[in-house]
Amino acid sequence: MDGFKNLEIKNFRGIEHLKIDDLSRVNVFLGQNSSGKSSVLECLLLIMGMSNPDLPMNVNAVRARNFSNFADLGYMFPNYHLSIKPEISSDMLDDTKRRLALEMTYVFDEKVPTELQNGQIPTSETKTFLNTLKLAFEIENQGKKNIFESSISINQAGLVSSKKIAEGYLEKNSAAFLPADLAAGNPANDLVELTKRKKKDIVVERLKHFDPRINAVEILNNVAYVSLDGIDQLLAVNMMGDGLRRYLNIVAASANPTNNIILIDEIDNGLHYSAYKKLWEAIFALATDTNKQVFVTTHSKETLYRLNEMLEEHSEYQDALRLYTIENTKLKGHQAYKLTYNGLREACENDIELRSIVI
């Protein structure tokens, strides 16, 4: 399995410092609103795609529900202090180390250019015009460190004027991010890949657990359709409610063997509680069968109880679980409090609150 052993975050959004150790195959993050759960998923995505200069703006666009401009990148910096660089680092399961730092700057670097760049006029105001985001990252393997840089720049009209892709670096992993916004997901790419590999039936079998009438799933014009027993035409998934759409998005991404890492924000969004247990079983089974790592956030106590019930019935998955309560404490700042399956079982048996630890 490719993936993360641990994750360390410094100065990203509202997180001054957070270290998460002993990550496993399926990792569930709990916590209060604004505790940093979604930020953890964003950091995992960024460090998996650190050579992609478009990714930070895409991350912000998901958080802002489809609209984000260059200035919004400042929200990734602590309290919008652009002089403090956000840093993300991790030890990977293949024994490599990754580190990513974000920096907002201007292209002239306090030098008068011999030629105008990006259509800008080098006046005294230029130095206050932060027009470039740099992604400085490094990979360390067996003591050998390789350093790279990607960047994206805008002109004074706010339009992207240049991109720099890190030379000599090719990312071997792929992370799929499923946001909390139900309208943002589209399983088309995953289903197309599964169709090419003749593995679409895996998704159909999992969908039968959600609705026994489903007998096929198809992609037409980049739209997902399902076939139901007793109905003569295909039905668009988007017209069948949030629950099926959410379930299909997660199952298709989890089944796609080209996705190494699955990131699911607020897994319970759009789903009736009766589907939680079936979805947890699908996630663990598909992650095991396709050898991938999964990260999930949730606010729902009900989904934790259903997770516990599923693991009681499937003991083969128990060791694969890690639960982390993310808490912004008064004395120690952000902390991640870890539980394994036994801790989840005891909490459910004794009705102990896991989503917040007040310190």
Protein backbone atom coordinates (compact mmCIF):
# COMPACT_ATOMS: atom_id res chain seq x y z
CA MET A 1 0.00 0.00 0.00
CA ASP A 2 1.28 3.45 -0.96
CA GLY A 3 0.40 6.22 1.43
CA PHE A 4 1.19 8.02 4.66
CA LYS A 5 2.79 6.91 7.91
CA ASN A 6 2.25 10.32 9.47
CA LEU A 7 1.46 13.93 8.70
CA GLU A 8 2.77 17.18 10.17
CA ILE A 9 1.14 20.56 9.49
CA LYS A 10 2.56 23.97 10.35
CA ASN A 11 0.86 27.33 9.82
CA PHE A 12 -1.89 26.13 7.49
CA ARG A 13 -5.18 28.02 7.77
CA GLY A 14 -6.07 27.95 11.49
CA ILE A 15 -3.60 25.19 12.39
CA GLU A 16 -0.37 26.50 13.93
CA HIS A 17 1.03 23.00 14.45
CA LEU A 18 -0.45 19.50 14.31
CA LYS A 19 1.25 16.10 14.16
CA ILE A 20 -0.70 12.93 13.34
CA ASP A 21 1.15 9.63 13.81
CA ASP A 22 0.47 5.94 13.14
CA LEU A 23 -1.83 6.34 10.16
CA SER A 24 -3.40 3.12 8.92
CA ARG A 25 -5.48 1.93 5.98
CA VAL A 26 -8.73 3.69 7.01
CA ASN A 27 -8.35 6.85 9.10
CA VAL A 28 -11.33 8.74 10.53
CA PHE A 29 -11.04 12.34 11.77
CA LEU A 30 -13.53 13.64 14.32
CA GLY A 31 -13.87 17.06 15.89
CA GLN A 32 -15.93 20.16 16.45
CA ASN A 33 -16.70 22.70 13.74
CA SER A 34 -13.54 24.64 12.76
CA SER A 35 -11.33 22.12 14.57
CA GLY A 36 -9.30 21.57 11.40
CA LYS A 37 -10.63 18.25 10.08
CA SER A 38 -11.18 19.49 6.53
CA SER A 39 -7.83 21.29 6.61
CA VAL A 40 -6.14 17.95 7.34
CA LEU A 41 -7.71 16.45 4.19
CA GLU A 42 -6.64 19.50 2.18
CA CYS A 43 -3.06 19.12 3.40
CA LEU A 44 -3.04 15.45 2.40
CA LEU A 45 -4.28 16.41 -1.06
CA LEU A 46 -1.76 19.23 -1.45
CA ILE A 47 1.24 17.12 -0.49
CA MET A 48 0.10 14.37 -2.87
CA GLY A 49 -0.22 16.91 -5.69
CA MET A 50 2.59 19.26 -4.75
CA SER A 51 3.88 19.51 -8.32
CA ASN A 52 0.53 20.86 -9.55
CA PRO A 53 0.46 24.69 -9.33
CA ASP A 54 -3.31 24.77 -9.98
CA LEU A 55 -4.12 22.60 -6.97
CA PRO A 56 -4.18 25.27 -4.20
CA MET A 57 -6.71 27.36 -6.12
CA ASN A 58 -8.75 24.22 -6.86
CA VAL A 59 -8.76 23.36 -3.16
CA ASN A 60 -10.04 26.84 -2.32
CA ALA A 61 -12.67 26.59 -5.07
CA VAL A 62 -14.06 23.42 -3.48
CA ARG A 63 -14.17 25.06 -0.06
CA ALA A 64 -15.83 28.18 -1.51
CA ARG A 65 -18.26 26.08 -3.57
CA ASN A 66 -16.90 26.58 -7.07
CA PHE A 67 -15.51 30.12 -6.93
CA SER A 68 -12.08 31.25 -5.75
CA ASN A 69 -9.63 33.87 -6.97
CA PHE A 70 -5.90 34.31 -6.51
CA ALA A 71 -6.25 36.58 -3.48
CA ASP A 72 -8.17 33.84 -1.66
CA LEU A 73 -4.95 31.82 -1.50
CA GLY A 74 -4.08 34.08 1.42
CA TYR A 75 -6.61 32.17 3.51
CA MET A 76 -4.22 29.20 3.47
CA PHE A 77 -1.76 31.33 5.44
CA PRO A 78 -2.25 31.69 9.22
CA ASN A 79 -4.60 34.61 9.92
CA TYR A 80 -3.74 35.87 6.42
CA HIS A 81 -0.15 36.57 7.52
CA LEU A 82 1.51 36.05 4.16
CA SER A 83 5.00 36.29 5.62
CA ILE A 84 4.49 32.98 7.45
CA LYS A 85 4.86 30.02 5.12
CA PRO A 86 2.48 27.06 5.50
CA GLU A 87 4.42 23.80 5.62
CA ILE A 88 3.24 20.21 5.23
CA SER A 89 5.49 17.21 5.72
CA SER A 90 5.10 13.46 5.96
CA ASP A 91 6.88 10.14 6.16
CA MET A 92 5.51 7.81 3.51
CA LEU A 93 4.98 4.07 3.61
CA ASP A 94 7.60 3.61 0.86
CA ASP A 95 10.16 5.17 3.28
CA THR A 96 10.41 8.45 1.40
CA LYS A 97 9.90 11.81 3.10
CA ARG A 98 7.89 14.67 1.62
CA ARG A 99 7.85 18.35 2.47
CA LEU A 100 5.88 21.18 0.90
CA ALA A 101 6.02 24.93 1.62
CA LEU A 102 3.74 27.60 0.15
CA GLU A 103 4.96 31.14 -0.52
CA MET A 104 3.19 34.17 -1.99
CA THR A 105 5.54 36.64 -3.64
CA TYR A 106 5.99 38.94 -6.64
CA VAL A 107 7.95 38.04 -9.72
CA PHE A 108 10.49 40.89 -9.72
CA ASP A 109 12.27 39.85 -6.50
CA GLU A 110 13.34 43.45 -5.78
CA LYS A 111 15.19 43.64 -9.10
CA VAL A 112 14.42 45.89 -12.05
CA PRO A 113 13.71 43.51 -14.93
CA THR A 114 15.33 44.00 -18.31
CA GLU A 115 12.02 43.08 -19.91
CA LEU A 116 8.45 43.51 -18.75
CA GLN A 117 7.04 40.31 -17.30
CA ASN A 118 3.43 39.15 -17.43
CA GLY A 119 2.33 42.48 -18.88
CA GLN A 120 3.21 44.37 -15.69
CA ILE A 121 4.76 47.83 -15.48
CA PRO A 122 7.55 47.89 -12.82
CA THR A 123 6.46 50.85 -10.71
CA SER A 124 6.78 51.47 -6.99
CA GLU A 125 3.47 49.66 -6.53
CA THR A 126 4.79 46.44 -8.03
CA LYS A 127 6.43 45.34 -4.80
CA THR A 128 3.07 45.31 -3.02
CA PHE A 129 1.41 43.30 -5.76
CA LEU A 130 1.67 39.67 -4.69
CA ASN A 131 1.14 37.94 -7.99
CA THR A 132 2.85 34.55 -7.61
CA LEU A 133 2.28 31.45 -5.52
CA LYS A 134 5.30 29.19 -5.21
CA LEU A 135 5.13 25.54 -4.20
CA ALA A 136 8.59 24.57 -2.96
CA PHE A 137 8.80 20.85 -2.26
CA GLU A 138 11.31 18.14 -1.66
CA ILE A 139 11.49 14.35 -1.72
CA GLU A 140 14.02 12.54 0.46
CA ASN A 141 14.87 8.89 -0.07
CA GLN A 142 17.70 7.02 1.67
CA GLY A 143 19.33 10.28 2.70
CA LYS A 144 19.23 11.76 -0.81
CA LYS A 145 17.14 14.93 -1.07
CA ASN A 146 15.72 16.30 -4.32
CA ILE A 147 14.31 19.86 -4.35
CA PHE A 148 11.68 21.12 -6.80
CA GLU A 149 9.51 24.17 -7.36
CA SER A 150 6.21 24.84 -9.10
CA SER A 151 4.47 28.20 -9.36
CA ILE A 152 1.51 30.07 -10.76
CA SER A 153 1.36 33.81 -11.52
CA ILE A 154 -1.36 36.30 -12.43
CA ASN A 155 -1.28 39.64 -14.19
CA GLN A 156 -2.74 42.91 -12.94
CA ALA A 157 -6.12 41.96 -14.39
CA GLY A 158 -6.17 38.92 -12.09
CA LEU A 159 -5.80 36.41 -14.93
CA VAL A 160 -3.35 33.52 -14.84
CA SER A 161 -0.38 34.61 -16.92
CA SER A 162 2.15 31.84 -16.36
CA LYS A 163 2.61 28.45 -14.77
CA LYS A 164 5.80 26.65 -13.93
CA ILE A 165 5.69 22.87 -13.58
CA ALA A 166 8.49 21.29 -11.58
CA GLU A 167 11.05 19.86 -13.97
CA GLY A 168 12.25 16.33 -13.45
CA TYR A 169 9.42 15.29 -11.12
CA LEU A 170 6.65 12.84 -11.91
CA GLU A 171 4.05 12.01 -9.26
CA LYS A 172 3.38 8.27 -9.11
CA ASN A 173 0.36 8.47 -6.81
CA SER A 174 -3.15 9.81 -7.29
CA ALA A 175 -5.50 11.15 -4.62
CA ALA A 176 -9.27 11.43 -5.09
CA PHE A 177 -10.98 14.14 -3.03
CA LEU A 178 -14.72 13.89 -2.34
CA PRO A 179 -15.86 17.19 -0.79
CA ALA A 180 -18.71 17.69 1.64
CA ASP A 181 -20.62 19.67 -1.00
CA LEU A 182 -22.91 17.10 -2.60
CA ALA A 183 -23.18 19.07 -5.83
CA ALA A 184 -19.40 18.93 -6.41
CA GLY A 185 -19.01 15.20 -7.01
CA ASN A 186 -19.12 13.41 -10.37
CA PRO A 187 -18.25 9.70 -10.59
CA ALA A 188 -17.90 9.76 -14.40
CA ASN A 189 -14.09 9.57 -14.56
CA ASP A 190 -13.93 6.75 -12.04
CA LEU A 191 -16.68 4.80 -13.81
CA VAL A 192 -15.01 5.25 -17.20
CA GLU A 193 -11.75 3.89 -15.79
CA LEU A 194 -13.56 0.93 -14.21
CA THR A 195 -15.36 0.24 -17.49
CA LYS A 196 -12.05 0.16 -19.39
CA ARG A 197 -10.68 -2.31 -16.87
CA LYS A 198 -13.88 -4.44 -16.97
CA LYS A 199 -14.46 -3.82 -13.25
CA LYS A 200 -17.65 -1.80 -13.33
CA ASP A 201 -19.58 -4.79 -11.90
CA ILE A 202 -17.82 -4.17 -8.59
CA VAL A 203 -19.68 -0.87 -8.30
CA VAL A 204 -22.99 -2.42 -9.34
CA GLU A 205 -22.70 -5.06 -6.64
CA ARG A 206 -22.05 -2.41 -4.00
CA LEU A 207 -24.96 -0.31 -5.27
CA LYS A 208 -27.26 -3.30 -4.80
CA HIS A 209 -26.57 -2.99 -1.06
CA PHE A 210 -27.90 0.55 -1.25
CA ASP A 211 -30.89 -0.26 -3.49
CA PRO A 212 -31.54 -3.91 -4.47
CA ARG A 213 -33.37 -2.80 -7.64
CA ILE A 214 -30.17 -1.47 -9.26
CA ASN A 215 -28.87 -3.83 -11.94
CA ALA A 216 -26.49 -1.63 -13.99
CA VAL A 217 -24.69 1.71 -14.08
CA GLU A 218 -23.77 3.59 -17.25
CA ILE A 219 -22.06 6.85 -18.28
CA LEU A 220 -23.67 8.90 -21.06
CA ASN A 221 -22.34 12.36 -21.96
CA ASN A 222 -20.38 12.48 -18.71
CA VAL A 223 -23.52 11.80 -16.65
CA ALA A 224 -24.04 8.72 -14.47
CA TYR A 225 -27.20 6.68 -14.99
CA VAL A 226 -28.52 3.56 -13.28
CA SER A 227 -30.84 0.84 -14.47
CA LEU A 228 -33.53 -0.36 -12.05
CA ASP A 229 -35.59 -3.54 -12.19
CA GLY A 230 -39.05 -2.86 -13.57
CA ILE A 231 -38.15 0.45 -15.27
CA ASP A 232 -37.65 0.50 -19.04
CA GLN A 233 -35.18 3.39 -19.27
CA LEU A 234 -32.03 4.51 -17.50
CA LEU A 235 -32.38 7.06 -14.69
CA ALA A 236 -29.92 9.89 -14.08
CA VAL A 237 -28.29 9.48 -10.69
CA ASN A 238 -28.52 13.23 -10.09
CA MET A 239 -32.31 12.95 -10.29
CA MET A 240 -32.50 10.16 -7.71
CA GLY A 241 -31.53 12.06 -4.59
CA ASP A 242 -28.40 13.01 -2.68
CA GLY A 243 -28.05 9.64 -0.95
CA LEU A 244 -27.48 7.52 -4.05
CA ARG A 245 -25.26 10.18 -5.63
CA ARG A 246 -23.07 10.39 -2.52
CA TYR A 247 -22.92 6.61 -2.17
CA LEU A 248 -21.98 6.14 -5.84
CA ASN A 249 -19.30 8.86 -5.73
CA ILE A 250 -17.58 7.20 -2.77
CA VAL A 251 -17.88 3.63 -4.04
CA ALA A 252 -16.69 4.48 -7.56
CA ALA A 253 -13.65 6.40 -6.30
CA SER A 254 -12.82 3.62 -3.84
CA ALA A 255 -13.12 0.92 -6.50
CA ASN A 256 -10.98 2.75 -9.07
CA PRO A 257 -7.54 1.08 -8.83
CA THR A 258 -5.77 4.19 -10.14
CA ASN A 259 -6.68 6.11 -6.98
CA ASN A 260 -4.08 5.42 -4.29
CA ILE A 261 -5.53 7.80 -1.70
CA ILE A 262 -9.23 8.50 -1.01
CA LEU A 263 -10.17 11.68 0.89
CA ILE A 264 -13.83 11.94 1.99
CA ASP A 265 -15.04 15.07 3.76
CA GLU A 266 -18.13 14.67 5.99
CA ILE A 267 -18.91 11.15 4.84
CA ASP A 268 -22.44 11.20 6.25
CA ASN A 269 -23.58 14.18 4.12
CA GLY A 270 -26.72 13.34 2.15
CA LEU A 271 -27.02 9.79 3.48
CA HIS A 272 -29.77 8.25 5.59
CA TYR A 273 -28.38 6.56 8.69
CA SER A 274 -29.52 3.17 7.35
CA ALA A 275 -26.83 3.43 4.63
CA TYR A 276 -23.90 4.15 6.96
CA LYS A 277 -23.08 0.56 7.82
CA LYS A 278 -23.23 -0.57 4.19
CA LEU A 279 -21.00 2.28 3.11
CA TRP A 280 -18.39 1.56 5.80
CA GLU A 281 -18.28 -2.07 4.69
CA ALA A 282 -17.79 -1.00 1.07
CA ILE A 283 -14.98 1.41 2.00
CA PHE A 284 -13.02 -1.13 4.02
CA ALA A 285 -13.56 -3.93 1.51
CA LEU A 286 -12.59 -1.86 -1.54
CA ALA A 287 -9.61 -0.26 0.22
CA THR A 288 -8.36 -3.74 1.11
CA ASP A 289 -9.04 -5.27 -2.30
CA THR A 290 -7.42 -2.40 -4.22
CA ASN A 291 -4.68 -1.74 -1.63
CA LYS A 292 -5.36 1.95 -1.00
CA GLN A 293 -5.47 4.33 1.98
CA VAL A 294 -8.62 6.21 3.01
CA PHE A 295 -9.12 9.38 5.07
CA VAL A 296 -12.58 10.39 6.29
CA THR A 297 -14.07 13.23 8.35
CA THR A 298 -17.42 13.11 10.12
CA HIS A 299 -19.57 15.01 12.62
CA SER A 300 -22.03 12.16 13.03
CA LYS A 301 -22.21 10.06 16.18
CA GLU A 302 -24.61 7.72 14.41
CA THR A 303 -22.09 6.86 11.72
CA LEU A 304 -19.53 5.93 14.41
CA TYR A 305 -22.00 3.50 15.94
CA ARG A 306 -22.63 1.96 12.52
CA LEU A 307 -18.88 1.75 11.93
CA ASN A 308 -18.51 -0.12 15.20
CA GLU A 309 -21.32 -2.52 14.26
CA MET A 310 -19.72 -3.24 10.89
CA LEU A 311 -16.33 -3.92 12.46
CA GLU A 312 -17.90 -6.26 15.03
CA GLU A 313 -19.19 -8.33 12.12
CA HIS A 314 -15.97 -8.06 10.07
CA SER A 315 -13.10 -8.62 12.45
CA GLU A 316 -10.70 -8.81 9.49
CA TYR A 317 -10.93 -5.04 9.15
CA GLN A 318 -10.51 -4.06 12.80
CA ASP A 319 -6.74 -3.55 12.75
CA ALA A 320 -7.04 -1.28 9.71
CA LEU A 321 -8.92 1.45 11.62
CA ARG A 322 -7.53 4.57 13.25
CA LEU A 323 -9.74 7.25 14.81
CA TYR A 324 -8.39 10.74 15.56
CA THR A 325 -10.21 13.44 17.47
CA ILE A 326 -8.80 16.78 16.29
CA GLU A 327 -8.99 19.33 19.11
CA ASN A 328 -7.72 22.90 19.36
CA THR A 329 -6.77 22.89 23.04
CA LYS A 330 -6.12 25.96 25.16
CA LEU A 331 -2.83 24.69 26.55
CA LYS A 332 -1.27 22.67 23.70
CA GLY A 333 -2.89 24.04 20.55
CA HIS A 334 -4.03 21.52 17.96
CA GLN A 335 -3.75 17.91 19.04
CA ALA A 336 -4.79 14.59 17.47
CA TYR A 337 -6.03 12.04 20.01
CA LYS A 338 -5.83 8.53 18.57
CA LEU A 339 -8.05 5.50 19.14
CA THR A 340 -7.97 2.05 17.57
CA TYR A 341 -10.95 -0.27 17.14
CA ASN A 342 -10.95 -1.27 20.81
CA GLY A 343 -11.30 2.36 21.82
CA LEU A 344 -14.20 2.82 19.42
CA ARG A 345 -15.92 -0.31 20.76
CA GLU A 346 -15.56 0.79 24.40
CA ALA A 347 -16.80 4.30 23.58
CA CYS A 348 -19.88 2.93 21.82
CA GLU A 349 -20.62 0.48 24.63
CA ASN A 350 -20.38 3.22 27.26
CA ASP A 351 -21.83 6.08 25.20
CA ILE A 352 -18.61 8.12 25.46
CA GLU A 353 -18.39 11.23 23.29
CA LEU A 354 -15.51 10.94 20.81
CA ARG A 355 -16.14 13.95 18.60
CA SER A 356 -14.72 16.41 21.11
CA ILE A 357 -12.27 16.22 23.99
CA VAL A 358 -12.43 19.37 26.10
CA ILE A 359 -9.08 20.23 27.68
